[in-house]
Amino acid sequence: MLDGKEIDHLPAGEGAQSRVVPLYETIEGWKEPTANARSWADLPAQAIKYVRRVEELVGCPIALLSTSRSARILFWCKTRSRLNAILPESPQC
């Protein structure tokens, strides 16, 4: 927020930047593990809601999702055709 108004960009001016206040949002969590998830069907409902909310906030779809501390454990969230040029050999969920 800037001067009491919600904004969707970082102001260019240093003075305005110093007056920006973050907006926090609380989202319900989940207790089920996600480390072995390999598709949307394997994720807890609240985890899916969390990912969808992040997509809304950033204004673009999430294409890959890591469900553990290892970056090697990923699954596709969207259509494969959009990512063929990046990771042509990766599995699709």
C-alpha atoms as a PDB file:
ATOM      1  CA  MET A   1       0.000   0.000   0.000  1.00  0.00           C
ATOM      2  CA  LEU A   2       1.120   3.505  -0.678  1.00  0.00           C
ATOM      3  CA  ASP A   3      -0.399   6.371   1.272  1.00  0.00           C
ATOM      4  CA  GLY A   4      -3.406   4.194   2.192  1.00  0.00           C
ATOM      5  CA  LYS A   5      -4.075   2.991  -1.360  1.00  0.00           C
ATOM      6  CA  GLU A   6      -3.445  -0.518  -2.683  1.00  0.00           C
ATOM      7  CA  ILE A   7      -0.931  -0.538  -5.547  1.00  0.00           C
ATOM      8  CA  ASP A   8       0.233  -3.281  -7.922  1.00  0.00           C
ATOM      9  CA  HIS A   9       3.685  -1.910  -8.782  1.00  0.00           C
ATOM     10  CA  LEU A  10       6.801  -0.579  -7.107  1.00  0.00           C
ATOM     11  CA  PRO A  11       6.875   3.207  -7.349  1.00  0.00           C
ATOM     12  CA  ALA A  12       9.791   4.676  -9.261  1.00  0.00           C
ATOM     13  CA  GLY A  13      10.599   7.424  -6.772  1.00  0.00           C
ATOM     14  CA  GLU A  14      12.727   6.792  -3.702  1.00  0.00           C
ATOM     15  CA  GLY A  15      10.398   8.848  -1.516  1.00  0.00           C
ATOM     16  CA  ALA A  16       7.324   6.888  -2.554  1.00  0.00           C
ATOM     17  CA  GLN A  17       9.209   3.602  -2.164  1.00  0.00           C
ATOM     18  CA  SER A  18      10.030   4.473   1.430  1.00  0.00           C
ATOM     19  CA  ARG A  19       6.305   4.925   2.173  1.00  0.00           C
ATOM     20  CA  VAL A  20       5.206   1.572   0.723  1.00  0.00           C
ATOM     21  CA  VAL A  21       3.702  -0.743   3.334  1.00  0.00           C
ATOM     22  CA  PRO A  22       3.363  -4.493   2.594  1.00  0.00           C
ATOM     23  CA  LEU A  23      -0.062  -6.098   2.519  1.00  0.00           C
ATOM     24  CA  TYR A  24      -0.093  -9.467   4.278  1.00  0.00           C
ATOM     25  CA  GLU A  25      -2.544 -12.241   3.553  1.00  0.00           C
ATOM     26  CA  THR A  26      -3.097 -15.293   5.742  1.00  0.00           C
ATOM     27  CA  ILE A  27      -3.879 -18.532   3.955  1.00  0.00           C
ATOM     28  CA  GLU A  28      -4.955 -21.733   5.683  1.00  0.00           C
ATOM     29  CA  GLY A  29      -2.152 -24.300   5.703  1.00  0.00           C
ATOM     30  CA  TRP A  30      -2.094 -28.089   5.630  1.00  0.00           C
ATOM     31  CA  LYS A  31      -0.524 -30.836   7.729  1.00  0.00           C
ATOM     32  CA  GLU A  32      -0.346 -33.607   5.143  1.00  0.00           C
ATOM     33  CA  PRO A  33       3.126 -34.227   3.649  1.00  0.00           C
ATOM     34  CA  THR A  34       3.759 -33.228   0.034  1.00  0.00           C
ATOM     35  CA  ALA A  35       7.206 -34.772  -0.465  1.00  0.00           C
ATOM     36  CA  ASN A  36       5.891 -37.733  -2.473  1.00  0.00           C
ATOM     37  CA  ALA A  37       3.362 -35.781  -4.547  1.00  0.00           C
ATOM     38  CA  ARG A  38       3.784 -36.316  -8.277  1.00  0.00           C
ATOM     39  CA  SER A  39       0.485 -34.826  -9.502  1.00  0.00           C
ATOM     40  CA  TRP A  40      -2.317 -32.486  -8.415  1.00  0.00           C
ATOM     41  CA  ALA A  41      -4.256 -35.526  -7.176  1.00  0.00           C
ATOM     42  CA  ASP A  42      -1.470 -36.217  -4.657  1.00  0.00           C
ATOM     43  CA  LEU A  43      -1.617 -32.726  -3.110  1.00  0.00           C
ATOM     44  CA  PRO A  44      -3.757 -31.738  -0.122  1.00  0.00           C
ATOM     45  CA  ALA A  45      -6.694 -29.498  -1.103  1.00  0.00           C
ATOM     46  CA  GLN A  46      -5.267 -26.532   0.819  1.00  0.00           C
ATOM     47  CA  ALA A  47      -1.939 -26.856  -0.997  1.00  0.00           C
ATOM     48  CA  ILE A  48      -3.747 -26.611  -4.324  1.00  0.00           C
ATOM     49  CA  LYS A  49      -5.671 -23.555  -3.085  1.00  0.00           C
ATOM     50  CA  TYR A  50      -2.359 -21.991  -2.050  1.00  0.00           C
ATOM     51  CA  VAL A  51      -0.818 -22.519  -5.503  1.00  0.00           C
ATOM     52  CA  ARG A  52      -3.932 -21.114  -7.197  1.00  0.00           C
ATOM     53  CA  ARG A  53      -3.820 -18.025  -4.961  1.00  0.00           C
ATOM     54  CA  VAL A  54      -0.163 -17.415  -5.808  1.00  0.00           C
ATOM     55  CA  GLU A  55      -1.092 -17.637  -9.510  1.00  0.00           C
ATOM     56  CA  GLU A  56      -3.791 -15.009  -8.961  1.00  0.00           C
ATOM     57  CA  LEU A  57      -1.416 -12.691  -7.123  1.00  0.00           C
ATOM     58  CA  VAL A  58       1.419 -12.858  -9.647  1.00  0.00           C
ATOM     59  CA  GLY A  59      -0.888 -12.835 -12.653  1.00  0.00           C
ATOM     60  CA  CYS A  60       0.519 -15.865 -14.436  1.00  0.00           C
ATOM     61  CA  PRO A  61       0.165 -19.645 -14.251  1.00  0.00           C
ATOM     62  CA  ILE A  62       2.629 -21.787 -12.336  1.00  0.00           C
ATOM     63  CA  ALA A  63       4.086 -24.343 -14.715  1.00  0.00           C
ATOM     64  CA  LEU A  64       6.329 -26.477 -12.491  1.00  0.00           C
ATOM     65  CA  LEU A  65       5.935 -27.317  -8.839  1.00  0.00           C
ATOM     66  CA  SER A  66       8.518 -28.720  -6.444  1.00  0.00           C
ATOM     67  CA  THR A  67       7.052 -30.658  -3.542  1.00  0.00           C
ATOM     68  CA  SER A  68      10.180 -31.298  -1.507  1.00  0.00           C
ATOM     69  CA  ARG A  69      13.527 -29.781  -0.600  1.00  0.00           C
ATOM     70  CA  SER A  70      15.071 -31.437  -3.638  1.00  0.00           C
ATOM     71  CA  ALA A  71      14.701 -29.353  -6.794  1.00  0.00           C
ATOM     72  CA  ARG A  72      14.848 -32.630  -8.744  1.00  0.00           C
ATOM     73  CA  ILE A  73      11.358 -33.557  -7.590  1.00  0.00           C
ATOM     74  CA  LEU A  74       9.058 -31.553  -9.858  1.00  0.00           C
ATOM     75  CA  PHE A  75       5.792 -32.085 -11.647  1.00  0.00           C
ATOM     76  CA  TRP A  76       4.032 -30.236 -14.434  1.00  0.00           C
ATOM     77  CA  CYS A  77       1.130 -28.033 -13.407  1.00  0.00           C
ATOM     78  CA  LYS A  78       0.086 -26.791 -16.832  1.00  0.00           C
ATOM     79  CA  THR A  79       0.186 -28.052 -20.390  1.00  0.00           C
ATOM     80  CA  ARG A  80       3.495 -29.515 -21.490  1.00  0.00           C
ATOM     81  CA  SER A  81       3.476 -27.829 -24.900  1.00  0.00           C
ATOM     82  CA  ARG A  82       4.289 -24.458 -23.336  1.00  0.00           C
ATOM     83  CA  LEU A  83       7.469 -25.835 -21.776  1.00  0.00           C
ATOM     84  CA  ASN A  84       8.804 -28.241 -24.398  1.00  0.00           C
ATOM     85  CA  ALA A  85      11.616 -25.903 -25.361  1.00  0.00           C
ATOM     86  CA  ILE A  86      12.780 -25.622 -21.753  1.00  0.00           C
ATOM     87  CA  LEU A  87      12.537 -29.176 -20.405  1.00  0.00           C
ATOM     88  CA  PRO A  88      11.640 -31.546 -23.248  1.00  0.00           C
ATOM     89  CA  GLU A  89      12.394 -34.777 -21.366  1.00  0.00           C
ATOM     90  CA  SER A  90      10.543 -34.065 -18.106  1.00  0.00           C
ATOM     91  CA  PRO A  91       7.438 -36.046 -17.144  1.00  0.00           C
ATOM     92  CA  GLN A  92       3.981 -34.536 -17.287  1.00  0.00           C
ATOM     93  CA  CYS A  93       1.372 -34.867 -14.569  1.00  0.00           C
END
